[in-house]
Amino acid sequence: MERIAFHLHIRDGKREAYREEHESVPEALEEAYLESGAGLETYSVFEKDGHVFGFMELEDSEVIEEVMEQSEAQAEWAEVMDPILEDEDDIWMDEVYRMV
């Protein structure tokens, strides 16, 4: 089982919009992730003071990255998120410690 994480920043004044959009994540996006063949077990997103941390446990991170790059559902979600999130080049985090 692989574990991957990412960090994002919310644009100033957009925190409430970010939280509101996540109250109704499109079913098509969830299906794209779950039906991708990546073996997604866990996907959680946390937010505090404009900082977003996402965490996934899955069998194949390369497959989920392909979904993020190529799926229509992800492209549509990106259009919603673009005015809310700051542009960042390297959002993926390295795991440096795991107790269990």
C-alpha atoms as a PDB file:
ATOM      1  CA  MET A   1       0.000   0.000   0.000  1.00  0.00           C
ATOM      2  CA  GLU A   2       1.381   3.388  -1.021  1.00  0.00           C
ATOM      3  CA  ARG A   3       0.753   6.621   0.850  1.00  0.00           C
ATOM      4  CA  ILE A   4       0.919   9.987  -0.890  1.00  0.00           C
ATOM      5  CA  ALA A   5       0.236  13.501   0.335  1.00  0.00           C
ATOM      6  CA  PHE A   6       0.021  17.020  -1.035  1.00  0.00           C
ATOM      7  CA  HIS A   7      -0.053  20.579   0.264  1.00  0.00           C
ATOM      8  CA  LEU A   8      -1.903  23.526  -1.260  1.00  0.00           C
ATOM      9  CA  HIS A   9      -2.610  27.147  -0.335  1.00  0.00           C
ATOM     10  CA  ILE A  10      -5.995  28.797  -0.610  1.00  0.00           C
ATOM     11  CA  ARG A  11      -6.066  32.318  -2.075  1.00  0.00           C
ATOM     12  CA  ASP A  12      -6.756  35.115   0.388  1.00  0.00           C
ATOM     13  CA  GLY A  13     -10.477  35.509   0.984  1.00  0.00           C
ATOM     14  CA  LYS A  14     -11.370  32.159  -0.658  1.00  0.00           C
ATOM     15  CA  ARG A  15     -11.341  29.865   2.364  1.00  0.00           C
ATOM     16  CA  GLU A  16     -15.129  29.722   2.695  1.00  0.00           C
ATOM     17  CA  ALA A  17     -15.519  29.045  -1.041  1.00  0.00           C
ATOM     18  CA  TYR A  18     -13.045  26.169  -0.750  1.00  0.00           C
ATOM     19  CA  ARG A  19     -14.966  24.597   2.110  1.00  0.00           C
ATOM     20  CA  GLU A  20     -18.317  25.104   0.370  1.00  0.00           C
ATOM     21  CA  GLU A  21     -17.130  23.406  -2.832  1.00  0.00           C
ATOM     22  CA  HIS A  22     -16.054  20.387  -0.807  1.00  0.00           C
ATOM     23  CA  GLU A  23     -19.537  19.972   0.619  1.00  0.00           C
ATOM     24  CA  SER A  24     -20.607  18.701  -2.813  1.00  0.00           C
ATOM     25  CA  VAL A  25     -17.635  17.155  -4.606  1.00  0.00           C
ATOM     26  CA  PRO A  26     -18.912  15.955  -7.990  1.00  0.00           C
ATOM     27  CA  GLU A  27     -19.830  12.293  -8.063  1.00  0.00           C
ATOM     28  CA  ALA A  28     -18.060  11.979 -11.424  1.00  0.00           C
ATOM     29  CA  LEU A  29     -14.777  13.003  -9.787  1.00  0.00           C
ATOM     30  CA  GLU A  30     -15.170  10.507  -6.975  1.00  0.00           C
ATOM     31  CA  GLU A  31     -16.029   7.786  -9.489  1.00  0.00           C
ATOM     32  CA  ALA A  32     -12.975   8.645 -11.610  1.00  0.00           C
ATOM     33  CA  TYR A  33     -10.753   8.105  -8.581  1.00  0.00           C
ATOM     34  CA  LEU A  34     -12.518   5.004  -7.260  1.00  0.00           C
ATOM     35  CA  GLU A  35     -12.853   3.300 -10.651  1.00  0.00           C
ATOM     36  CA  SER A  36      -9.345   4.196 -11.850  1.00  0.00           C
ATOM     37  CA  GLY A  37      -7.772   0.878 -10.906  1.00  0.00           C
ATOM     38  CA  ALA A  38      -5.422   2.648  -8.481  1.00  0.00           C
ATOM     39  CA  GLY A  39      -6.839   0.714  -5.541  1.00  0.00           C
ATOM     40  CA  LEU A  40      -7.741   3.868  -3.624  1.00  0.00           C
ATOM     41  CA  GLU A  41      -8.440   2.984   0.012  1.00  0.00           C
ATOM     42  CA  THR A  42      -8.355   6.364   1.725  1.00  0.00           C
ATOM     43  CA  TYR A  43      -8.513   9.942   0.466  1.00  0.00           C
ATOM     44  CA  SER A  44      -8.811  12.726   3.021  1.00  0.00           C
ATOM     45  CA  VAL A  45      -8.405  16.467   2.697  1.00  0.00           C
ATOM     46  CA  PHE A  46      -7.724  18.716   5.692  1.00  0.00           C
ATOM     47  CA  GLU A  47      -7.754  22.530   5.872  1.00  0.00           C
ATOM     48  CA  LYS A  48      -6.522  25.019   8.458  1.00  0.00           C
ATOM     49  CA  ASP A  49      -5.981  28.755   8.007  1.00  0.00           C
ATOM     50  CA  GLY A  50      -5.770  28.484   4.216  1.00  0.00           C
ATOM     51  CA  HIS A  51      -3.423  25.504   4.198  1.00  0.00           C
ATOM     52  CA  VAL A  52      -4.736  22.320   2.591  1.00  0.00           C
ATOM     53  CA  PHE A  53      -3.253  18.899   3.241  1.00  0.00           C
ATOM     54  CA  GLY A  54      -4.424  15.889   1.244  1.00  0.00           C
ATOM     55  CA  PHE A  55      -3.617  12.276   2.004  1.00  0.00           C
ATOM     56  CA  MET A  56      -4.214   9.064   0.051  1.00  0.00           C
ATOM     57  CA  GLU A  57      -3.590   5.388   0.662  1.00  0.00           C
ATOM     58  CA  LEU A  58      -3.700   3.372  -2.535  1.00  0.00           C
ATOM     59  CA  GLU A  59      -2.151   0.545  -4.460  1.00  0.00           C
ATOM     60  CA  ASP A  60      -0.758   2.482  -7.453  1.00  0.00           C
ATOM     61  CA  SER A  61       0.024   6.205  -7.214  1.00  0.00           C
ATOM     62  CA  GLU A  62       0.990   6.382 -10.900  1.00  0.00           C
ATOM     63  CA  VAL A  63      -2.551   5.452 -11.910  1.00  0.00           C
ATOM     64  CA  ILE A  64      -4.126   8.114  -9.692  1.00  0.00           C
ATOM     65  CA  GLU A  65      -1.709  10.713 -11.060  1.00  0.00           C
ATOM     66  CA  GLU A  66      -2.834   9.751 -14.576  1.00  0.00           C
ATOM     67  CA  VAL A  67      -6.450  10.315 -13.523  1.00  0.00           C
ATOM     68  CA  MET A  68      -5.487  13.725 -12.141  1.00  0.00           C
ATOM     69  CA  GLU A  69      -3.785  14.648 -15.402  1.00  0.00           C
ATOM     70  CA  GLN A  70      -6.205  13.135 -17.913  1.00  0.00           C
ATOM     71  CA  SER A  71      -9.764  12.745 -16.618  1.00  0.00           C
ATOM     72  CA  GLU A  72     -12.504  15.102 -17.723  1.00  0.00           C
ATOM     73  CA  ALA A  73     -13.954  15.091 -14.195  1.00  0.00           C
ATOM     74  CA  GLN A  74     -10.605  16.258 -12.771  1.00  0.00           C
ATOM     75  CA  ALA A  75     -10.331  18.963 -15.452  1.00  0.00           C
ATOM     76  CA  GLU A  76     -13.799  20.252 -14.538  1.00  0.00           C
ATOM     77  CA  TRP A  77     -12.897  20.232 -10.828  1.00  0.00           C
ATOM     78  CA  ALA A  78      -9.680  22.120 -11.603  1.00  0.00           C
ATOM     79  CA  GLU A  79     -11.748  24.850 -13.285  1.00  0.00           C
ATOM     80  CA  VAL A  80     -13.730  25.229 -10.057  1.00  0.00           C
ATOM     81  CA  MET A  81     -10.590  25.218  -7.898  1.00  0.00           C
ATOM     82  CA  ASP A  82      -8.393  27.471 -10.078  1.00  0.00           C
ATOM     83  CA  PRO A  83      -9.828  30.761  -8.763  1.00  0.00           C
ATOM     84  CA  ILE A  84      -9.739  29.411  -5.186  1.00  0.00           C
ATOM     85  CA  LEU A  85      -6.269  27.840  -4.950  1.00  0.00           C
ATOM     86  CA  GLU A  86      -2.901  29.496  -5.475  1.00  0.00           C
ATOM     87  CA  ASP A  87      -0.838  28.222  -8.393  1.00  0.00           C
ATOM     88  CA  GLU A  88       1.906  25.906  -7.203  1.00  0.00           C
ATOM     89  CA  ASP A  89       4.380  23.805  -9.116  1.00  0.00           C
ATOM     90  CA  ASP A  90       5.354  21.117  -6.627  1.00  0.00           C
ATOM     91  CA  ILE A  91       2.540  20.113  -4.313  1.00  0.00           C
ATOM     92  CA  TRP A  92       3.483  16.483  -3.643  1.00  0.00           C
ATOM     93  CA  MET A  93       5.114  15.804  -0.298  1.00  0.00           C
ATOM     94  CA  ASP A  94       7.695  13.175   0.581  1.00  0.00           C
ATOM     95  CA  GLU A  95       6.909  10.797   3.422  1.00  0.00           C
ATOM     96  CA  VAL A  96       9.755  11.140   5.897  1.00  0.00           C
ATOM     97  CA  TYR A  97       8.441   9.054   8.782  1.00  0.00           C
ATOM     98  CA  ARG A  98       5.814   6.381   9.416  1.00  0.00           C
ATOM     99  CA  MET A  99       5.275   4.778  12.796  1.00  0.00           C
ATOM    100  CA  VAL A 100       2.716   2.151  11.821  1.00  0.00           C
END
